[in-house]
Amino acid sequence: MAAGGSLLISDRAFWRSGRGAALRQREILSFLVERGPVDLIYAGAEVGEFHRLAGRLSAVAATRDIRCEALPPSLDPRRAADRLAALVAERMPGRVVALAPDLAWAADLVPGSVPVVLDAAGPPDADDARMFAAARGFDLVLFDDLRRHRAAALALGAARCAWAPQPVALAEPPPP
């Protein structure tokens, strides 16, 4: 992929039907695919399902610009981090988008010239202090809850926080 596409990393089986986080993550993927090629990295437990999804995506013309790779939980964490760093170096994405605060470790593997975005959507009663700590390594953090967005803007700085309620309604992808 030429520089300018997106690398999206998730640890949730977002392809399963459902509302909430799964729907939001599908919306973010669709948003990015409409704007260029996407490397979809899955770091969750449902690796077999993910490989079936990858096969279906590659067979459909509208999603041929999606390349899929799994980082299974059985993979040693150090090897998973090394593999993700190698993918970022090889594919030179214009942006990296992490779809959960638990993926904060991914931000440390991305060169400073590549913007890193965190989708921090989640239950309004989630632990804000833990999430804010995870968000510190990201250039832009998306929130679906206005109260959390306002609190994050105070903690992290308004320029690094965006309110993106469902459905995800950003006019443009996060900056390259």
N, C-alpha and C. Protein backbone atom coordinates (compact mmCIF):
# COMPACT_ATOMS: atom_id res chain seq x y z
N MET A 1 0.84 -1.16 0.00
CA MET A 1 0.00 0.00 0.00
C MET A 1 0.89 1.23 0.00
N ALA A 2 0.55 2.17 -0.79
CA ALA A 2 1.28 3.43 -0.79
C ALA A 2 0.92 4.22 0.45
N ALA A 3 1.83 5.09 0.87
CA ALA A 3 1.55 5.91 2.03
C ALA A 3 0.23 6.65 1.81
N GLY A 4 -0.54 6.76 2.86
CA GLY A 4 -1.79 7.49 2.75
C GLY A 4 -3.00 6.65 3.10
N GLY A 5 -2.88 5.34 3.07
CA GLY A 5 -3.99 4.50 3.48
C GLY A 5 -4.08 4.47 5.00
N SER A 6 -4.87 3.57 5.51
CA SER A 6 -5.06 3.46 6.95
C SER A 6 -4.69 2.06 7.42
N LEU A 7 -4.18 1.98 8.63
CA LEU A 7 -3.99 0.70 9.30
C LEU A 7 -4.92 0.74 10.50
N LEU A 8 -5.82 -0.21 10.55
CA LEU A 8 -6.84 -0.28 11.59
C LEU A 8 -6.59 -1.52 12.43
N ILE A 9 -6.51 -1.37 13.75
CA ILE A 9 -6.27 -2.52 14.62
C ILE A 9 -7.42 -2.65 15.62
N SER A 10 -7.92 -3.87 15.74
CA SER A 10 -9.02 -4.15 16.65
C SER A 10 -8.77 -5.48 17.36
N ASP A 11 -9.33 -5.61 18.55
CA ASP A 11 -9.25 -6.87 19.27
C ASP A 11 -10.65 -7.45 19.51
N ARG A 12 -11.64 -6.89 18.83
CA ARG A 12 -13.03 -7.33 18.99
C ARG A 12 -13.56 -7.89 17.69
N ALA A 13 -14.45 -8.86 17.80
CA ALA A 13 -15.06 -9.48 16.61
C ALA A 13 -16.17 -8.57 16.09
N PHE A 14 -15.79 -7.43 15.55
CA PHE A 14 -16.74 -6.41 15.12
C PHE A 14 -17.59 -6.83 13.93
N TRP A 15 -17.17 -7.87 13.21
CA TRP A 15 -17.91 -8.30 12.02
C TRP A 15 -19.20 -9.04 12.38
N ARG A 16 -19.30 -9.46 13.62
CA ARG A 16 -20.53 -10.12 14.05
C ARG A 16 -21.66 -9.09 14.10
N SER A 17 -22.86 -9.55 13.79
CA SER A 17 -23.97 -8.61 13.83
C SER A 17 -24.16 -8.14 15.25
N GLY A 18 -24.63 -6.96 15.39
CA GLY A 18 -24.86 -6.41 16.71
C GLY A 18 -24.76 -4.91 16.69
N ARG A 19 -25.14 -4.33 17.78
CA ARG A 19 -25.14 -2.89 17.92
C ARG A 19 -23.91 -2.48 18.75
N GLY A 20 -23.92 -1.29 19.23
CA GLY A 20 -22.86 -0.83 20.12
C GLY A 20 -21.50 -0.78 19.46
N ALA A 21 -20.50 -1.32 20.16
CA ALA A 21 -19.11 -1.23 19.70
C ALA A 21 -18.91 -1.91 18.35
N ALA A 22 -19.56 -3.06 18.12
CA ALA A 22 -19.39 -3.76 16.84
C ALA A 22 -19.88 -2.90 15.68
N LEU A 23 -21.04 -2.30 15.84
CA LEU A 23 -21.59 -1.43 14.79
C LEU A 23 -20.68 -0.24 14.56
N ARG A 24 -20.22 0.38 15.62
CA ARG A 24 -19.34 1.55 15.50
C ARG A 24 -18.04 1.18 14.76
N GLN A 25 -17.47 0.04 15.11
CA GLN A 25 -16.22 -0.36 14.46
C GLN A 25 -16.44 -0.67 12.99
N ARG A 26 -17.57 -1.26 12.64
CA ARG A 26 -17.88 -1.49 11.21
C ARG A 26 -18.03 -0.16 10.49
N GLU A 27 -18.66 0.83 11.15
CA GLU A 27 -18.81 2.15 10.54
C GLU A 27 -17.46 2.81 10.30
N ILE A 28 -16.56 2.70 11.26
CA ILE A 28 -15.24 3.31 11.11
C ILE A 28 -14.49 2.62 9.96
N LEU A 29 -14.56 1.30 9.89
CA LEU A 29 -13.92 0.58 8.79
C LEU A 29 -14.50 1.04 7.45
N SER A 30 -15.81 1.11 7.34
CA SER A 30 -16.45 1.55 6.09
C SER A 30 -16.02 2.96 5.73
N PHE A 31 -15.97 3.84 6.72
CA PHE A 31 -15.56 5.22 6.51
C PHE A 31 -14.16 5.28 5.90
N LEU A 32 -13.24 4.50 6.48
CA LEU A 32 -11.86 4.51 5.99
C LEU A 32 -11.73 3.86 4.62
N VAL A 33 -12.46 2.77 4.37
CA VAL A 33 -12.39 2.08 3.08
C VAL A 33 -12.88 3.00 1.96
N GLU A 34 -13.87 3.82 2.24
CA GLU A 34 -14.38 4.76 1.23
C GLU A 34 -13.32 5.78 0.82
N ARG A 35 -12.30 5.95 1.64
CA ARG A 35 -11.30 6.98 1.41
C ARG A 35 -9.93 6.44 1.03
N GLY A 36 -9.81 5.12 0.92
CA GLY A 36 -8.52 4.56 0.51
C GLY A 36 -8.31 3.16 1.06
N PRO A 37 -7.18 2.58 0.72
CA PRO A 37 -6.89 1.21 1.16
C PRO A 37 -6.73 1.13 2.68
N VAL A 38 -7.09 -0.04 3.23
CA VAL A 38 -7.02 -0.26 4.67
C VAL A 38 -6.33 -1.59 4.95
N ASP A 39 -5.38 -1.55 5.86
CA ASP A 39 -4.81 -2.77 6.42
C ASP A 39 -5.55 -3.02 7.72
N LEU A 40 -6.26 -4.13 7.80
CA LEU A 40 -7.07 -4.48 8.96
C LEU A 40 -6.31 -5.51 9.78
N ILE A 41 -5.92 -5.14 10.99
CA ILE A 41 -5.16 -6.01 11.87
C ILE A 41 -6.07 -6.43 13.00
N TYR A 42 -6.19 -7.74 13.20
CA TYR A 42 -7.06 -8.26 14.24
C TYR A 42 -6.20 -8.92 15.32
N ALA A 43 -6.35 -8.43 16.55
CA ALA A 43 -5.56 -8.94 17.67
C ALA A 43 -6.46 -9.56 18.73
N GLY A 44 -7.49 -10.26 18.29
CA GLY A 44 -8.43 -10.89 19.22
C GLY A 44 -8.41 -12.39 19.13
N ALA A 45 -9.32 -13.01 19.85
CA ALA A 45 -9.33 -14.47 20.00
C ALA A 45 -9.99 -15.22 18.84
N GLU A 46 -10.89 -14.59 18.12
CA GLU A 46 -11.66 -15.29 17.08
C GLU A 46 -10.92 -15.31 15.75
N VAL A 47 -9.72 -15.85 15.74
CA VAL A 47 -8.84 -15.81 14.57
C VAL A 47 -9.44 -16.59 13.39
N GLY A 48 -10.03 -17.76 13.66
CA GLY A 48 -10.63 -18.54 12.58
C GLY A 48 -11.74 -17.76 11.88
N GLU A 49 -12.60 -17.13 12.65
CA GLU A 49 -13.67 -16.30 12.07
C GLU A 49 -13.08 -15.15 11.28
N PHE A 50 -12.01 -14.55 11.81
CA PHE A 50 -11.38 -13.42 11.12
C PHE A 50 -10.82 -13.86 9.77
N HIS A 51 -10.21 -15.04 9.71
CA HIS A 51 -9.67 -15.52 8.43
C HIS A 51 -10.80 -15.77 7.42
N ARG A 52 -11.94 -16.26 7.88
CA ARG A 52 -13.09 -16.42 6.98
C ARG A 52 -13.58 -15.06 6.49
N LEU A 53 -13.62 -14.08 7.39
CA LEU A 53 -13.99 -12.72 7.00
C LEU A 53 -13.02 -12.19 5.94
N ALA A 54 -11.73 -12.39 6.16
CA ALA A 54 -10.71 -11.92 5.22
C ALA A 54 -10.94 -12.53 3.84
N GLY A 55 -11.29 -13.80 3.78
CA GLY A 55 -11.57 -14.45 2.50
C GLY A 55 -12.77 -13.84 1.81
N ARG A 56 -13.82 -13.55 2.59
CA ARG A 56 -15.01 -12.93 2.00
C ARG A 56 -14.71 -11.51 1.51
N LEU A 57 -13.94 -10.75 2.27
CA LEU A 57 -13.62 -9.39 1.88
C LEU A 57 -12.81 -9.35 0.58
N SER A 58 -11.87 -10.27 0.45
CA SER A 58 -11.02 -10.27 -0.75
C SER A 58 -11.80 -10.69 -2.00
N ALA A 59 -12.94 -11.35 -1.82
CA ALA A 59 -13.74 -11.80 -2.96
C ALA A 59 -14.71 -10.73 -3.46
N VAL A 60 -14.88 -9.67 -2.71
CA VAL A 60 -15.85 -8.63 -3.07
C VAL A 60 -15.09 -7.42 -3.60
N ALA A 61 -15.44 -6.96 -4.78
CA ALA A 61 -14.72 -5.86 -5.43
C ALA A 61 -14.66 -4.62 -4.54
N ALA A 62 -15.75 -4.30 -3.85
CA ALA A 62 -15.79 -3.07 -3.05
C ALA A 62 -14.83 -3.12 -1.86
N THR A 63 -14.41 -4.30 -1.47
CA THR A 63 -13.52 -4.40 -0.30
C THR A 63 -12.14 -4.95 -0.66
N ARG A 64 -11.79 -4.95 -1.93
CA ARG A 64 -10.48 -5.48 -2.32
C ARG A 64 -9.33 -4.64 -1.80
N ASP A 65 -9.61 -3.41 -1.41
CA ASP A 65 -8.56 -2.56 -0.87
C ASP A 65 -8.37 -2.77 0.62
N ILE A 66 -8.93 -3.86 1.16
CA ILE A 66 -8.73 -4.21 2.57
C ILE A 66 -7.79 -5.42 2.62
N ARG A 67 -6.66 -5.26 3.28
CA ARG A 67 -5.77 -6.40 3.52
C ARG A 67 -5.89 -6.76 4.99
N CYS A 68 -5.99 -8.05 5.26
CA CYS A 68 -6.23 -8.53 6.62
C CYS A 68 -5.04 -9.31 7.15
N GLU A 69 -4.78 -9.13 8.42
CA GLU A 69 -3.71 -9.87 9.10
C GLU A 69 -4.13 -10.07 10.55
N ALA A 70 -3.86 -11.26 11.07
CA ALA A 70 -4.20 -11.57 12.46
C ALA A 70 -2.95 -11.59 13.32
N LEU A 71 -3.09 -11.08 14.52
CA LEU A 71 -2.08 -11.19 15.57
C LEU A 71 -2.76 -11.96 16.70
N PRO A 72 -2.78 -13.29 16.62
CA PRO A 72 -3.56 -14.08 17.59
C PRO A 72 -3.02 -13.92 19.01
N PRO A 73 -3.93 -14.03 20.00
CA PRO A 73 -3.52 -13.92 21.39
C PRO A 73 -2.49 -14.97 21.79
N SER A 74 -2.44 -16.09 21.07
CA SER A 74 -1.45 -17.12 21.39
C SER A 74 -0.04 -16.69 21.02
N LEU A 75 0.08 -15.65 20.20
CA LEU A 75 1.38 -15.13 19.81
C LEU A 75 1.99 -14.41 21.00
N ASP A 76 3.26 -14.68 21.27
CA ASP A 76 3.96 -14.01 22.34
C ASP A 76 3.80 -12.49 22.17
N PRO A 77 3.46 -11.74 23.24
CA PRO A 77 3.23 -10.30 23.10
C PRO A 77 4.38 -9.55 22.43
N ARG A 78 5.60 -9.95 22.71
CA ARG A 78 6.75 -9.29 22.08
C ARG A 78 6.76 -9.53 20.58
N ARG A 79 6.47 -10.78 20.17
CA ARG A 79 6.42 -11.10 18.74
C ARG A 79 5.26 -10.37 18.06
N ALA A 80 4.12 -10.25 18.75
CA ALA A 80 2.99 -9.52 18.18
C ALA A 80 3.36 -8.05 17.97
N ALA A 81 4.03 -7.46 18.96
CA ALA A 81 4.45 -6.07 18.83
C ALA A 81 5.46 -5.91 17.69
N ASP A 82 6.40 -6.84 17.59
CA ASP A 82 7.39 -6.79 16.49
C ASP A 82 6.69 -6.90 15.14
N ARG A 83 5.69 -7.79 15.05
CA ARG A 83 4.98 -7.97 13.77
C ARG A 83 4.20 -6.71 13.41
N LEU A 84 3.55 -6.09 14.39
CA LEU A 84 2.81 -4.87 14.09
C LEU A 84 3.76 -3.75 13.67
N ALA A 85 4.88 -3.62 14.35
CA ALA A 85 5.87 -2.59 13.98
C ALA A 85 6.37 -2.84 12.55
N ALA A 86 6.60 -4.09 12.19
CA ALA A 86 7.05 -4.42 10.83
C ALA A 86 5.97 -4.09 9.81
N LEU A 87 4.71 -4.36 10.13
CA LEU A 87 3.61 -4.02 9.21
C LEU A 87 3.52 -2.52 8.98
N VAL A 88 3.66 -1.75 10.05
CA VAL A 88 3.62 -0.29 9.92
C VAL A 88 4.78 0.19 9.04
N ALA A 89 5.98 -0.35 9.27
CA ALA A 89 7.15 0.05 8.48
C ALA A 89 6.99 -0.35 7.01
N GLU A 90 6.45 -1.54 6.78
CA GLU A 90 6.29 -2.06 5.41
C GLU A 90 5.20 -1.33 4.64
N ARG A 91 4.09 -1.07 5.28
CA ARG A 91 2.92 -0.55 4.56
C ARG A 91 2.80 0.97 4.61
N MET A 92 3.56 1.60 5.45
CA MET A 92 3.62 3.06 5.55
C MET A 92 2.22 3.71 5.51
N PRO A 93 1.36 3.40 6.47
CA PRO A 93 0.03 4.00 6.44
C PRO A 93 0.07 5.50 6.71
N GLY A 94 -0.94 6.19 6.22
CA GLY A 94 -1.07 7.62 6.48
C GLY A 94 -1.60 7.88 7.87
N ARG A 95 -2.22 6.85 8.47
CA ARG A 95 -2.74 6.94 9.82
C ARG A 95 -2.92 5.54 10.38
N VAL A 96 -2.86 5.42 11.69
CA VAL A 96 -3.14 4.17 12.39
C VAL A 96 -4.31 4.45 13.32
N VAL A 97 -5.31 3.58 13.26
CA VAL A 97 -6.51 3.74 14.10
C VAL A 97 -6.64 2.51 14.99
N ALA A 98 -6.64 2.72 16.30
CA ALA A 98 -6.84 1.64 17.27
C ALA A 98 -8.28 1.73 17.77
N LEU A 99 -8.97 0.59 17.78
CA LEU A 99 -10.39 0.59 18.10
C LEU A 99 -10.71 0.24 19.54
N ALA A 100 -9.76 0.38 20.45
CA ALA A 100 -10.03 0.14 21.87
C ALA A 100 -8.86 0.66 22.70
N PRO A 101 -9.14 1.24 23.88
CA PRO A 101 -8.05 1.69 24.75
C PRO A 101 -7.08 0.57 25.14
N ASP A 102 -7.54 -0.68 25.14
CA ASP A 102 -6.65 -1.80 25.47
C ASP A 102 -5.53 -1.96 24.44
N LEU A 103 -5.66 -1.30 23.31
CA LEU A 103 -4.64 -1.38 22.26
C LEU A 103 -3.65 -0.22 22.32
N ALA A 104 -3.59 0.45 23.46
CA ALA A 104 -2.69 1.60 23.62
C ALA A 104 -1.24 1.25 23.32
N TRP A 105 -0.85 0.00 23.55
CA TRP A 105 0.53 -0.43 23.27
C TRP A 105 0.90 -0.22 21.80
N ALA A 106 -0.09 -0.23 20.92
CA ALA A 106 0.18 -0.08 19.49
C ALA A 106 0.72 1.31 19.17
N ALA A 107 0.31 2.33 19.92
CA ALA A 107 0.77 3.70 19.65
C ALA A 107 2.28 3.82 19.77
N ASP A 108 2.88 3.04 20.66
CA ASP A 108 4.33 3.11 20.86
C ASP A 108 5.12 2.53 19.69
N LEU A 109 4.46 1.81 18.80
CA LEU A 109 5.14 1.13 17.70
C LEU A 109 5.09 1.92 16.39
N VAL A 110 4.42 3.06 16.42
CA VAL A 110 4.19 3.84 15.21
C VAL A 110 5.16 5.02 15.17
N PRO A 111 5.83 5.26 14.04
CA PRO A 111 6.73 6.41 13.95
C PRO A 111 5.99 7.71 14.25
N GLY A 112 6.68 8.67 14.81
CA GLY A 112 6.08 9.95 15.18
C GLY A 112 5.45 10.70 14.03
N SER A 113 5.86 10.41 12.80
CA SER A 113 5.32 11.11 11.64
C SER A 113 3.95 10.58 11.21
N VAL A 114 3.52 9.46 11.79
CA VAL A 114 2.23 8.85 11.44
C VAL A 114 1.22 9.14 12.55
N PRO A 115 0.13 9.85 12.23
CA PRO A 115 -0.88 10.12 13.26
C PRO A 115 -1.52 8.82 13.76
N VAL A 116 -1.73 8.77 15.07
CA VAL A 116 -2.34 7.60 15.70
C VAL A 116 -3.64 8.05 16.36
N VAL A 117 -4.72 7.35 16.00
CA VAL A 117 -6.06 7.72 16.45
C VAL A 117 -6.60 6.58 17.31
N LEU A 118 -7.24 6.94 18.41
CA LEU A 118 -7.88 5.97 19.29
C LEU A 118 -9.39 6.22 19.29
N ASP A 119 -10.16 5.16 19.04
CA ASP A 119 -11.60 5.26 19.23
C ASP A 119 -11.87 4.81 20.66
N ALA A 120 -12.17 5.76 21.53
CA ALA A 120 -12.38 5.49 22.95
C ALA A 120 -13.85 5.34 23.29
N ALA A 121 -14.65 4.99 22.32
CA ALA A 121 -16.08 4.80 22.58
C ALA A 121 -16.25 3.69 23.59
N GLY A 122 -17.24 3.84 24.41
CA GLY A 122 -17.50 2.80 25.39
C GLY A 122 -18.55 3.23 26.37
N PRO A 123 -18.80 2.41 27.35
CA PRO A 123 -19.83 2.73 28.33
C PRO A 123 -19.50 4.03 29.06
N PRO A 124 -20.50 4.89 29.26
CA PRO A 124 -20.24 6.17 29.94
C PRO A 124 -19.69 6.01 31.35
N ASP A 125 -19.89 4.86 31.98
CA ASP A 125 -19.39 4.65 33.33
C ASP A 125 -18.01 4.00 33.34
N ALA A 126 -17.36 3.92 32.19
CA ALA A 126 -16.02 3.32 32.11
C ALA A 126 -15.05 4.14 32.95
N ASP A 127 -13.95 3.53 33.33
CA ASP A 127 -12.93 4.18 34.15
C ASP A 127 -12.20 5.24 33.34
N ASP A 128 -12.60 6.52 33.55
CA ASP A 128 -12.03 7.61 32.77
C ASP A 128 -10.53 7.76 33.00
N ALA A 129 -10.07 7.63 34.24
CA ALA A 129 -8.64 7.81 34.52
C ALA A 129 -7.81 6.78 33.76
N ARG A 130 -8.26 5.54 33.72
CA ARG A 130 -7.54 4.48 32.99
C ARG A 130 -7.55 4.78 31.49
N MET A 131 -8.71 5.20 30.98
CA MET A 131 -8.81 5.49 29.56
C MET A 131 -7.95 6.71 29.18
N PHE A 132 -7.96 7.76 30.02
CA PHE A 132 -7.15 8.94 29.73
C PHE A 132 -5.67 8.58 29.73
N ALA A 133 -5.25 7.72 30.64
CA ALA A 133 -3.85 7.28 30.67
C ALA A 133 -3.51 6.53 29.38
N ALA A 134 -4.40 5.67 28.92
CA ALA A 134 -4.17 4.93 27.67
C ALA A 134 -4.13 5.88 26.48
N ALA A 135 -4.91 6.95 26.52
CA ALA A 135 -5.04 7.86 25.39
C ALA A 135 -3.86 8.81 25.23
N ARG A 136 -3.01 8.90 26.21
CA ARG A 136 -1.90 9.87 26.16
C ARG A 136 -0.97 9.68 24.96
N GLY A 137 -0.82 8.47 24.46
CA GLY A 137 0.08 8.22 23.34
C GLY A 137 -0.55 8.45 21.97
N PHE A 138 -1.78 8.94 21.94
CA PHE A 138 -2.49 9.11 20.66
C PHE A 138 -2.57 10.57 20.27
N ASP A 139 -2.57 10.81 18.97
CA ASP A 139 -2.68 12.17 18.45
C ASP A 139 -4.11 12.68 18.47
N LEU A 140 -5.08 11.76 18.30
CA LEU A 140 -6.49 12.13 18.29
C LEU A 140 -7.27 11.01 18.96
N VAL A 141 -8.21 11.39 19.82
CA VAL A 141 -9.03 10.41 20.53
C VAL A 141 -10.50 10.74 20.24
N LEU A 142 -11.23 9.73 19.76
CA LEU A 142 -12.65 9.89 19.42
C LEU A 142 -13.52 9.39 20.57
N PHE A 143 -14.56 10.14 20.89
CA PHE A 143 -15.49 9.78 21.96
C PHE A 143 -16.90 9.75 21.42
N ASP A 144 -17.70 8.81 21.92
CA ASP A 144 -19.11 8.77 21.53
C ASP A 144 -20.01 9.35 22.62
N ASP A 145 -19.43 9.64 23.78
CA ASP A 145 -20.18 10.17 24.91
C ASP A 145 -19.71 11.60 25.16
N LEU A 146 -20.64 12.54 25.13
CA LEU A 146 -20.29 13.95 25.24
C LEU A 146 -19.65 14.28 26.60
N ARG A 147 -20.11 13.67 27.69
CA ARG A 147 -19.53 13.93 29.00
C ARG A 147 -18.07 13.50 29.03
N ARG A 148 -17.79 12.32 28.51
CA ARG A 148 -16.40 11.83 28.48
C ARG A 148 -15.55 12.68 27.56
N HIS A 149 -16.11 13.13 26.45
CA HIS A 149 -15.38 14.00 25.53
C HIS A 149 -14.96 15.29 26.24
N ARG A 150 -15.89 15.89 26.96
CA ARG A 150 -15.58 17.15 27.67
C ARG A 150 -14.51 16.92 28.74
N ALA A 151 -14.62 15.83 29.49
CA ALA A 151 -13.62 15.52 30.52
C ALA A 151 -12.26 15.27 29.88
N ALA A 152 -12.24 14.56 28.75
CA ALA A 152 -10.98 14.27 28.06
C ALA A 152 -10.36 15.54 27.50
N ALA A 153 -11.18 16.45 26.99
CA ALA A 153 -10.66 17.70 26.45
C ALA A 153 -9.91 18.48 27.53
N LEU A 154 -10.42 18.42 28.76
CA LEU A 154 -9.72 19.09 29.87
C LEU A 154 -8.44 18.35 30.24
N ALA A 155 -8.49 17.01 30.23
CA ALA A 155 -7.34 16.20 30.65
C ALA A 155 -6.27 16.10 29.58
N LEU A 156 -6.66 16.00 28.32
CA LEU A 156 -5.71 15.73 27.23
C LEU A 156 -5.47 16.93 26.32
N GLY A 157 -6.36 17.90 26.37
CA GLY A 157 -6.29 19.04 25.46
C GLY A 157 -7.36 18.92 24.40
N ALA A 158 -8.07 20.00 24.15
CA ALA A 158 -9.20 20.00 23.23
C ALA A 158 -8.80 19.61 21.81
N ALA A 159 -7.61 19.98 21.37
CA ALA A 159 -7.19 19.69 20.00
C ALA A 159 -6.99 18.20 19.76
N ARG A 160 -6.82 17.42 20.81
CA ARG A 160 -6.58 15.98 20.66
C ARG A 160 -7.83 15.15 20.84
N CYS A 161 -8.97 15.79 21.08
CA CYS A 161 -10.20 15.06 21.36
C CYS A 161 -11.29 15.46 20.38
N ALA A 162 -12.06 14.48 19.93
CA ALA A 162 -13.18 14.76 19.02
C ALA A 162 -14.40 13.98 19.48
N TRP A 163 -15.53 14.60 19.39
CA TRP A 163 -16.78 13.92 19.71
C TRP A 163 -17.33 13.35 18.42
N ALA A 164 -17.44 12.05 18.35
CA ALA A 164 -17.92 11.35 17.14
C ALA A 164 -19.02 10.38 17.57
N PRO A 165 -20.24 10.90 17.73
CA PRO A 165 -21.33 10.02 18.18
C PRO A 165 -21.70 9.02 17.09
N GLN A 166 -22.41 7.98 17.49
CA GLN A 166 -22.87 7.01 16.50
C GLN A 166 -24.10 7.54 15.84
N PRO A 167 -24.28 7.33 14.54
CA PRO A 167 -23.27 6.73 13.66
C PRO A 167 -22.08 7.66 13.51
N VAL A 168 -20.94 7.07 13.26
CA VAL A 168 -19.71 7.85 13.12
C VAL A 168 -19.91 8.82 11.98
N ALA A 169 -19.70 10.09 12.26
CA ALA A 169 -20.03 11.13 11.29
C ALA A 169 -18.90 12.12 11.11
N LEU A 170 -17.72 11.65 10.82
CA LEU A 170 -16.61 12.55 10.53
C LEU A 170 -16.66 12.93 9.07
N ALA A 171 -16.40 14.18 8.77
CA ALA A 171 -16.43 14.64 7.37
C ALA A 171 -15.22 14.11 6.60
N GLU A 172 -14.11 14.01 7.26
CA GLU A 172 -12.86 13.57 6.62
C GLU A 172 -12.18 12.58 7.55
N PRO A 173 -11.31 11.72 7.00
CA PRO A 173 -10.57 10.79 7.87
C PRO A 173 -9.60 11.56 8.75
N PRO A 174 -9.17 10.96 9.83
CA PRO A 174 -8.15 11.62 10.66
C PRO A 174 -6.97 12.03 9.79
N PRO A 175 -6.34 13.13 10.10
CA PRO A 175 -5.28 13.67 9.22
C PRO A 175 -4.13 12.72 9.03
N PRO A 176 -3.57 12.68 7.80
CA PRO A 176 -2.39 11.85 7.57
C PRO A 176 -1.15 12.50 8.15
